[in-house]
Protein backbone atom coordinates (compact mmCIF):
# COMPACT_ATOMS: atom_id res chain seq x y z
CA MET A 1 135.18 -211.72 49.80
CA MET A 2 136.08 -208.12 51.30
CA PRO A 3 136.77 -208.77 54.72
CA PHE A 4 133.53 -207.51 57.42
CA ALA A 5 133.35 -204.73 59.18
CA LEU A 6 133.00 -205.19 62.70
CA ILE A 7 130.41 -202.53 64.16
CA THR A 8 129.34 -202.49 68.22
CA GLY A 9 126.19 -200.74 68.75
CA GLY A 10 125.45 -201.48 65.44
CA GLY A 11 121.60 -201.54 65.67
CA LYS A 12 120.61 -198.11 66.04
CA GLY A 13 121.24 -194.35 66.02
CA ILE A 14 125.35 -193.49 64.46
CA GLY A 15 126.25 -197.37 64.38
CA LYS A 16 123.57 -198.44 62.53
CA CYS A 17 124.51 -195.56 59.85
CA ILE A 18 127.86 -196.58 59.40
CA ALA A 19 127.17 -200.14 59.09
CA THR A 20 125.05 -198.59 56.08
CA GLU A 21 127.90 -196.45 54.59
CA LEU A 22 130.25 -199.18 54.69
CA ALA A 23 127.64 -201.53 53.24
CA LYS A 24 127.28 -199.05 50.47
CA ARG A 25 130.78 -199.87 49.53
CA LYS A 26 130.15 -203.51 49.54
CA TYR A 27 131.83 -204.21 52.97
CA PRO A 28 130.10 -207.48 54.63
CA VAL A 29 129.01 -206.31 58.20
CA LEU A 30 128.80 -207.84 61.59
CA LEU A 31 126.57 -206.20 63.90
CA VAL A 32 126.63 -206.19 67.71
CA ALA A 33 123.95 -204.68 70.16
CA ARG A 34 121.45 -205.37 72.69
CA ASP A 35 118.17 -205.57 70.54
CA GLU A 36 118.26 -208.34 68.90
CA LYS A 37 114.74 -207.21 66.85
CA SER A 38 116.72 -203.86 65.69
CA LEU A 39 119.74 -206.26 64.27
CA GLN A 40 117.76 -208.43 62.58
CA GLU A 41 115.93 -205.62 60.56
CA HIS A 42 118.90 -203.81 59.83
CA ALA A 43 120.85 -206.71 58.69
CA THR A 44 118.29 -207.55 56.74
CA THR A 45 118.02 -204.44 55.05
CA LEU A 46 121.63 -204.17 54.28
CA SER A 47 121.93 -207.53 52.55
CA ASN A 48 118.79 -206.52 50.72
CA THR A 49 119.60 -203.28 49.37
CA TYR A 50 123.68 -203.39 48.91
CA GLY A 51 123.66 -207.44 48.01
CA VAL A 52 126.16 -207.41 51.17
CA ALA A 53 126.88 -210.44 53.51
CA ALA A 54 125.44 -208.73 57.29
CA HIS A 55 125.39 -210.89 60.26
CA TYR A 56 124.37 -209.87 63.93
CA LEU A 57 124.79 -211.32 67.35
CA ALA A 58 122.40 -209.81 70.28
CA LEU A 59 124.93 -208.95 73.31
CA ASP A 60 124.91 -206.55 76.06
CA LEU A 61 128.48 -205.71 75.97
CA GLY A 62 128.32 -203.78 79.50
CA LYS A 63 128.23 -207.48 80.73
CA LEU A 64 131.53 -209.20 82.37
CA GLY A 65 132.78 -211.74 79.78
CA ALA A 66 130.54 -210.32 76.87
CA THR A 67 134.02 -209.67 74.85
CA GLN A 68 134.68 -213.24 75.03
CA ILE A 69 131.37 -214.14 73.78
CA LEU A 70 131.56 -212.08 70.85
CA MET A 71 135.14 -213.32 69.97
CA ASP A 72 134.13 -216.73 70.22
CA TRP A 73 131.17 -216.22 67.59
CA ILE A 74 133.72 -214.33 65.32
CA ILE A 75 136.11 -217.22 65.23
CA SER A 76 133.61 -220.02 65.16
CA ASN A 77 131.76 -218.33 62.33
CA ASN A 78 135.42 -218.13 60.33
CA TYR A 79 134.51 -214.32 60.23
CA ASN A 80 137.34 -212.17 58.61
CA VAL A 81 137.47 -208.86 60.25
CA GLY A 82 139.39 -205.93 58.49
CA ILE A 83 137.69 -203.03 60.11
CA LEU A 84 137.06 -202.83 63.51
CA VAL A 85 134.00 -199.82 64.41
CA ASN A 86 134.09 -199.50 68.33
CA ASN A 87 130.78 -197.16 68.64
CA ALA A 88 128.96 -199.28 71.58
CA GLY A 89 128.40 -196.67 74.64
CA TYR A 90 126.45 -194.96 76.42
CA GLY A 91 126.61 -191.72 79.60
CA LEU A 92 125.03 -191.44 82.68
CA SER A 93 123.54 -187.60 83.57
CA GLY A 94 123.51 -186.01 86.56
CA PRO A 95 125.48 -185.91 89.93
CA PHE A 96 128.32 -188.77 90.19
CA SER A 97 126.07 -189.96 93.45
CA LYS A 98 122.75 -190.33 91.80
CA TYR A 99 124.49 -193.93 90.37
CA SER A 100 126.17 -196.78 92.22
CA ALA A 101 129.48 -197.89 91.67
CA ASN A 102 128.62 -200.30 89.53
CA ASP A 103 125.97 -198.30 87.33
CA HIS A 104 129.58 -196.48 86.54
CA ILE A 105 131.49 -199.35 86.06
CA GLU A 106 129.27 -200.61 83.66
CA MET A 107 129.03 -197.51 81.60
CA MET A 108 133.01 -197.50 81.72
CA ARG A 109 133.53 -201.16 81.06
CA VAL A 110 131.11 -200.39 77.50
CA ASN A 111 133.20 -197.13 76.93
CA MET A 112 136.29 -198.19 77.40
CA GLU A 113 136.89 -201.43 78.47
CA VAL A 114 135.59 -203.37 75.36
CA PRO A 115 137.29 -201.25 72.68
CA VAL A 116 140.54 -202.00 74.36
CA ALA A 117 139.90 -205.61 74.61
CA LEU A 118 138.32 -206.07 71.16
CA THR A 119 140.97 -204.31 69.70
CA SER A 120 143.86 -206.45 71.54
CA ALA A 121 141.71 -209.20 70.01
CA LEU A 122 141.33 -208.29 66.52
CA LEU A 123 144.93 -206.79 66.23
CA PRO A 124 146.58 -210.00 64.72
CA MET A 125 143.37 -210.61 62.25
CA LEU A 126 143.53 -206.50 61.07
CA THR A 127 147.00 -206.76 60.54
CA LYS A 128 147.14 -209.56 58.64
CA ASN A 129 144.26 -208.19 56.35
CA ALA A 130 146.15 -204.64 56.18
CA PRO A 131 145.22 -202.20 54.71
CA ALA A 132 142.83 -202.50 57.50
CA TYR A 133 141.00 -199.93 59.84
CA ILE A 134 140.09 -198.92 63.18
CA LEU A 135 137.29 -196.04 63.80
CA ASN A 136 136.90 -195.64 67.58
CA VAL A 137 133.76 -192.96 68.39
CA ALA A 138 134.56 -190.76 71.27
CA SER A 139 132.64 -187.45 71.46
CA SER A 140 133.16 -184.03 71.74
CA ALA A 141 133.18 -184.53 75.64
CA ALA A 142 136.23 -185.82 75.09
CA TYR A 143 137.89 -182.23 75.03
CA GLN A 144 136.82 -181.30 78.15
CA ALA A 145 135.58 -182.38 81.90
CA VAL A 146 132.04 -182.26 82.00
CA PRO A 147 130.20 -181.44 85.45
CA GLY A 148 126.76 -183.69 85.08
CA LEU A 149 128.76 -186.08 82.68
CA SER A 150 131.75 -186.82 84.71
CA ALA A 151 132.43 -190.07 84.40
CA TYR A 152 130.98 -190.28 80.84
CA ALA A 153 133.26 -187.14 79.38
CA ALA A 154 136.20 -189.23 81.51
CA SER A 155 135.41 -192.56 79.79
CA LYS A 156 135.43 -190.44 76.19
CA SER A 157 138.72 -188.56 76.62
CA PHE A 158 140.00 -192.17 77.46
CA VAL A 159 138.72 -193.31 74.41
CA LEU A 160 140.44 -190.36 72.10
CA SER A 161 143.78 -190.78 74.45
CA PHE A 162 143.96 -194.36 72.89
CA SER A 163 143.09 -194.03 69.72
CA ARG A 164 146.00 -191.13 69.40
CA GLY A 165 148.72 -193.61 70.91
CA LEU A 166 147.61 -196.78 69.09
CA ARG A 167 147.99 -194.88 66.08
CA HIS A 168 151.07 -193.54 66.52
CA GLU A 169 152.09 -197.56 67.35
CA LEU A 170 150.26 -198.75 64.51
CA LYS A 171 151.94 -196.22 61.92
CA ASN A 172 153.77 -199.12 60.24
CA THR A 173 151.70 -202.03 60.24
CA GLY A 174 149.11 -201.00 57.85
CA VAL A 175 146.54 -200.40 59.99
CA SER A 176 144.84 -196.99 60.56
CA VAL A 177 143.43 -195.62 63.15
CA THR A 178 140.71 -192.82 63.95
CA ALA A 179 138.81 -191.01 66.59
CA VAL A 180 136.03 -189.31 65.68
CA SER A 181 134.06 -187.16 68.40
CA PRO A 182 130.17 -186.28 67.61
CA GLY A 183 128.32 -183.60 69.83
CA SER A 184 124.60 -183.92 70.00
CA THR A 185 123.07 -186.30 67.94
CA ASP A 186 119.94 -187.17 67.20
CA THR A 187 119.94 -190.40 68.75
CA ASN A 188 118.76 -192.38 71.86
CA PHE A 189 121.59 -191.12 73.76
CA ALA A 190 120.01 -188.24 75.42
CA ASN A 191 116.95 -190.63 76.44
CA ARG A 192 119.15 -193.31 78.13
CA ALA A 193 121.39 -190.56 79.57
CA ASP A 194 118.66 -189.35 81.60
CA VAL A 195 119.67 -185.33 80.57
CA GLY A 196 117.89 -182.68 81.88
CA VAL A 197 115.47 -180.38 80.28
CA LYS A 198 117.84 -177.58 79.83
CA ALA A 199 120.44 -179.79 78.45
CA LEU A 200 118.36 -181.35 75.76
CA LYS A 201 116.55 -178.23 74.40
CA THR A 202 120.23 -176.78 73.94
CA ALA A 203 121.31 -180.28 72.55
CA GLU A 204 118.02 -179.95 70.33
CA LYS A 205 119.16 -176.70 68.82
CA VAL A 206 123.13 -178.36 67.37
CA ASN A 207 121.87 -181.62 66.48
CA MET A 208 123.28 -183.56 63.90
CA THR A 209 121.91 -186.68 62.03
CA PRO A 210 123.35 -189.79 62.51
CA GLU A 211 123.40 -190.14 58.99
CA ALA A 212 125.49 -187.05 58.79
CA VAL A 213 127.62 -188.22 61.51
CA ALA A 214 128.19 -191.72 60.28
CA ALA A 215 129.22 -189.90 56.65
CA ILE A 216 131.71 -188.05 57.86
CA ALA A 217 133.28 -190.68 60.03
CA VAL A 218 133.83 -192.77 57.44
CA THR A 219 134.94 -190.44 55.24
CA ALA A 220 137.24 -189.90 57.79
CA LEU A 221 137.99 -193.62 58.03
CA PHE A 222 138.91 -194.36 54.99
CA ASN A 223 141.51 -190.83 54.17
CA LYS A 224 142.88 -192.51 57.21
CA LYS A 225 142.54 -188.97 59.63
CA PRO A 226 143.83 -189.28 62.81
CA GLU A 227 140.69 -187.65 64.37
CA VAL A 228 137.79 -185.77 63.53
CA ILE A 229 134.91 -183.73 65.30
CA THR A 230 131.64 -183.63 63.67
CA GLY A 231 130.04 -180.31 62.81
CA PHE A 232 131.11 -176.51 62.81
CA ILE A 233 129.63 -176.00 66.14
CA ASN A 234 131.53 -178.96 67.68
CA LYS A 235 135.12 -178.07 66.48
CA LEU A 236 134.41 -174.09 67.43
CA GLY A 237 133.43 -175.58 71.04
CA ALA A 238 136.43 -177.80 71.26
CA PHE A 239 138.76 -174.79 70.29
CA LEU A 240 136.96 -172.41 72.73
CA VAL A 241 137.78 -175.26 75.40
CA TRP A 242 141.16 -175.27 74.42
CA LEU A 243 141.69 -171.44 74.08
CA LEU A 244 139.33 -170.23 77.52
CA PRO A 245 140.01 -170.72 81.12
CA LYS A 246 138.91 -174.61 82.35
CA LYS A 247 137.04 -173.46 85.09
CA LEU A 248 135.08 -171.17 82.87
CA ALA A 249 134.28 -174.10 80.67
CA GLU A 250 133.48 -176.64 83.04
CA SER A 251 131.25 -173.73 84.56
CA THR A 252 129.29 -173.63 81.77
CA ALA A 253 128.98 -177.15 80.91
CA ALA A 254 127.73 -177.70 84.92
CA SER A 255 125.12 -175.01 84.12
CA LEU A 256 123.61 -176.77 81.54
CA TYR A 257 123.23 -179.67 83.74
CA GLY A 258 121.42 -177.83 86.80
CA LEU A 259 124.78 -178.03 88.80
């Protein structure tokens, strides 16, 4: 049997669609997310539709010790992993002072610590299964500071930088690293992040479907692309951020969040 693809945040949104894209290619999948009902339903759908093994673990990756619980589950079930998709993540919108330190730290744990911990723990297995793949889901926000999403954007900049460095380190191991940076996507991100009305309306104008984002991401993964920004508007935005003064880009972003 082909090695498993492990997808964090695999019950809904982009992660769910990435799991579908991989199942289409006959990869068995391991889905990890908080919502057990969504995981069970999607695992059943993938198994019945594509004839692949699909297992799941309901787990809140923001809690201390969650990564060890996940690794214990993988090892105890003798799951052989050849693809790691670090997709789980979320944002907190509004002034930094709106949230407690613990709120920010828990978000940063999911967005940054978990991908690093899982990559470290699974790298020996991935190397053994080469050619193997790591897909890290960053964000178009990774390319600039975003007032109103300050900690979130910084966490995604970390993911992007980590992916770039790790890709170079692993270039002779048979393990490929790809970073995908979606922009506004029709998922539950905006609701969980509690973005304001102005930001939400702006995002709706350029929303991509999670299915489209997942298809781009998985294609980039297997083509061993270093990084990809999904959608023309998001690519243009990243270019303009690079081209224009940072103060202008940051002021524009701040205005969307009423800051």
